[in-house]
Amino acid sequence: MPEVQEIKNRMKGDGFTLITEYNDPANEHFPLHDHERDEFLVVISGSISFAADNEEFVLSAGDERFFPAKQSHSATIGPSGCFYIVGEKE
């Protein structure tokens, strides 16, 4: 598993200028929403499940996913919580 700083450096190199770490508690739910900017998410520990574009998927430690701006999705944090990094393009 890459180190947090390595992930942040890679995101910066890929043009993501706003990079944020999140540590969400178990079972937190984010209802259907979208974001103004492209986002790239990397899970460090725990898990998070998403529903987007008629697809459901779970990301666990080491998984990553790109979300284009305005893509509607919902998310639920897994039973152990989730620590993840999100990069946004401004």
C-alpha atoms as a PDB file:
ATOM      1  CA  MET A   1       0.000   0.000   0.000  1.00  0.00           C
ATOM      2  CA  PRO A   2       1.488   3.364  -0.966  1.00  0.00           C
ATOM      3  CA  GLU A   3       2.086   5.922   1.752  1.00  0.00           C
ATOM      4  CA  VAL A   4      -0.347   8.816   2.138  1.00  0.00           C
ATOM      5  CA  GLN A   5       2.242  11.352   0.968  1.00  0.00           C
ATOM      6  CA  GLU A   6       3.026   9.248  -2.117  1.00  0.00           C
ATOM      7  CA  ILE A   7      -0.671   9.230  -3.010  1.00  0.00           C
ATOM      8  CA  LYS A   8      -0.932  12.987  -2.514  1.00  0.00           C
ATOM      9  CA  ASN A   9       2.169  13.563  -4.668  1.00  0.00           C
ATOM     10  CA  ARG A  10       0.713  11.382  -7.429  1.00  0.00           C
ATOM     11  CA  MET A  11      -2.569  13.292  -7.275  1.00  0.00           C
ATOM     12  CA  LYS A  12      -0.721  16.606  -7.536  1.00  0.00           C
ATOM     13  CA  GLY A  13       1.233  15.275 -10.495  1.00  0.00           C
ATOM     14  CA  ASP A  14      -2.054  14.309 -12.163  1.00  0.00           C
ATOM     15  CA  GLY A  15      -3.402  17.854 -11.797  1.00  0.00           C
ATOM     16  CA  PHE A  16      -5.513  17.500  -8.655  1.00  0.00           C
ATOM     17  CA  THR A  17      -4.961  20.741  -6.757  1.00  0.00           C
ATOM     18  CA  LEU A  18      -7.315  20.387  -3.786  1.00  0.00           C
ATOM     19  CA  ILE A  19      -6.401  17.270  -1.777  1.00  0.00           C
ATOM     20  CA  THR A  20      -8.257  16.336   1.402  1.00  0.00           C
ATOM     21  CA  GLU A  21      -8.022  13.464   3.896  1.00  0.00           C
ATOM     22  CA  TYR A  22     -11.261  12.078   5.360  1.00  0.00           C
ATOM     23  CA  ASN A  23     -11.720   9.705   8.281  1.00  0.00           C
ATOM     24  CA  ASP A  24     -15.441   8.906   8.380  1.00  0.00           C
ATOM     25  CA  PRO A  25     -17.143   6.842  11.087  1.00  0.00           C
ATOM     26  CA  ALA A  26     -18.760   3.476  10.495  1.00  0.00           C
ATOM     27  CA  ASN A  27     -22.047   3.373   8.609  1.00  0.00           C
ATOM     28  CA  GLU A  28     -22.206   7.107   7.829  1.00  0.00           C
ATOM     29  CA  HIS A  29     -24.418   7.651   4.778  1.00  0.00           C
ATOM     30  CA  PHE A  30     -24.210  10.356   2.129  1.00  0.00           C
ATOM     31  CA  PRO A  31     -27.457  10.561   0.124  1.00  0.00           C
ATOM     32  CA  LEU A  32     -27.537  11.098  -3.629  1.00  0.00           C
ATOM     33  CA  HIS A  33     -25.398  14.116  -4.570  1.00  0.00           C
ATOM     34  CA  ASP A  34     -22.789  15.309  -7.047  1.00  0.00           C
ATOM     35  CA  HIS A  35     -19.672  17.470  -7.027  1.00  0.00           C
ATOM     36  CA  GLU A  36     -18.730  20.538  -9.039  1.00  0.00           C
ATOM     37  CA  ARG A  37     -15.247  19.208  -9.831  1.00  0.00           C
ATOM     38  CA  ASP A  38     -13.659  15.988 -11.065  1.00  0.00           C
ATOM     39  CA  GLU A  39     -12.624  13.868  -8.074  1.00  0.00           C
ATOM     40  CA  PHE A  40     -10.192  11.011  -7.553  1.00  0.00           C
ATOM     41  CA  LEU A  41     -10.616   8.927  -4.387  1.00  0.00           C
ATOM     42  CA  VAL A  42      -8.099   6.507  -2.828  1.00  0.00           C
ATOM     43  CA  VAL A  43      -9.051   4.344   0.176  1.00  0.00           C
ATOM     44  CA  ILE A  44      -6.290   3.965   2.782  1.00  0.00           C
ATOM     45  CA  SER A  45      -8.185   1.793   5.282  1.00  0.00           C
ATOM     46  CA  GLY A  46     -11.701   0.536   5.869  1.00  0.00           C
ATOM     47  CA  SER A  47     -14.283   0.563   3.100  1.00  0.00           C
ATOM     48  CA  ILE A  48     -16.901   2.693   1.393  1.00  0.00           C
ATOM     49  CA  SER A  49     -19.722   1.603  -0.908  1.00  0.00           C
ATOM     50  CA  PHE A  50     -21.118   3.700  -3.742  1.00  0.00           C
ATOM     51  CA  ALA A  51     -24.138   3.684  -5.993  1.00  0.00           C
ATOM     52  CA  ALA A  52     -23.606   5.594  -9.255  1.00  0.00           C
ATOM     53  CA  ASP A  53     -25.014   5.274 -12.778  1.00  0.00           C
ATOM     54  CA  ASN A  54     -27.027   2.127 -11.940  1.00  0.00           C
ATOM     55  CA  GLU A  55     -23.888   0.460 -10.567  1.00  0.00           C
ATOM     56  CA  GLU A  56     -23.043  -0.452  -6.987  1.00  0.00           C
ATOM     57  CA  PHE A  57     -19.474  -1.059  -5.879  1.00  0.00           C
ATOM     58  CA  VAL A  58     -17.338  -1.229  -2.747  1.00  0.00           C
ATOM     59  CA  LEU A  59     -13.881   0.288  -2.415  1.00  0.00           C
ATOM     60  CA  SER A  60     -11.498  -1.133   0.200  1.00  0.00           C
ATOM     61  CA  ALA A  61      -7.930  -0.343   1.247  1.00  0.00           C
ATOM     62  CA  GLY A  62      -5.794   0.229  -1.839  1.00  0.00           C
ATOM     63  CA  ASP A  63      -8.751   0.765  -4.189  1.00  0.00           C
ATOM     64  CA  GLU A  64      -9.198   3.983  -6.132  1.00  0.00           C
ATOM     65  CA  ARG A  65     -11.909   5.516  -8.286  1.00  0.00           C
ATOM     66  CA  PHE A  66     -12.354   8.557 -10.524  1.00  0.00           C
ATOM     67  CA  PHE A  67     -15.651  10.453 -10.359  1.00  0.00           C
ATOM     68  CA  PRO A  68     -16.285  12.987 -13.135  1.00  0.00           C
ATOM     69  CA  ALA A  69     -17.833  16.320 -12.177  1.00  0.00           C
ATOM     70  CA  LYS A  70     -21.618  16.211 -11.847  1.00  0.00           C
ATOM     71  CA  GLN A  71     -21.831  12.398 -11.647  1.00  0.00           C
ATOM     72  CA  SER A  72     -24.654  11.702  -9.199  1.00  0.00           C
ATOM     73  CA  HIS A  73     -23.830   9.118  -6.547  1.00  0.00           C
ATOM     74  CA  SER A  74     -24.553   8.079  -2.977  1.00  0.00           C
ATOM     75  CA  ALA A  75     -22.083   6.574  -0.518  1.00  0.00           C
ATOM     76  CA  THR A  76     -22.115   4.566   2.705  1.00  0.00           C
ATOM     77  CA  ILE A  77     -19.101   4.089   4.939  1.00  0.00           C
ATOM     78  CA  GLY A  78     -18.330   0.482   5.847  1.00  0.00           C
ATOM     79  CA  PRO A  79     -18.685  -1.136   9.292  1.00  0.00           C
ATOM     80  CA  SER A  80     -15.073  -0.311  10.269  1.00  0.00           C
ATOM     81  CA  GLY A  81     -15.164   3.297   9.102  1.00  0.00           C
ATOM     82  CA  CYS A  82     -13.065   4.586   6.232  1.00  0.00           C
ATOM     83  CA  PHE A  83      -9.912   6.676   5.906  1.00  0.00           C
ATOM     84  CA  TYR A  84      -9.521   7.992   2.373  1.00  0.00           C
ATOM     85  CA  ILE A  85      -7.999  10.774   0.314  1.00  0.00           C
ATOM     86  CA  VAL A  86      -9.869  12.817  -2.286  1.00  0.00           C
ATOM     87  CA  GLY A  87      -8.203  14.926  -4.945  1.00  0.00           C
ATOM     88  CA  GLU A  88     -10.219  17.559  -6.796  1.00  0.00           C
ATOM     89  CA  LYS A  89      -9.359  19.454  -9.957  1.00  0.00           C
ATOM     90  CA  GLU A  90     -10.093  23.176  -9.665  1.00  0.00           C
END
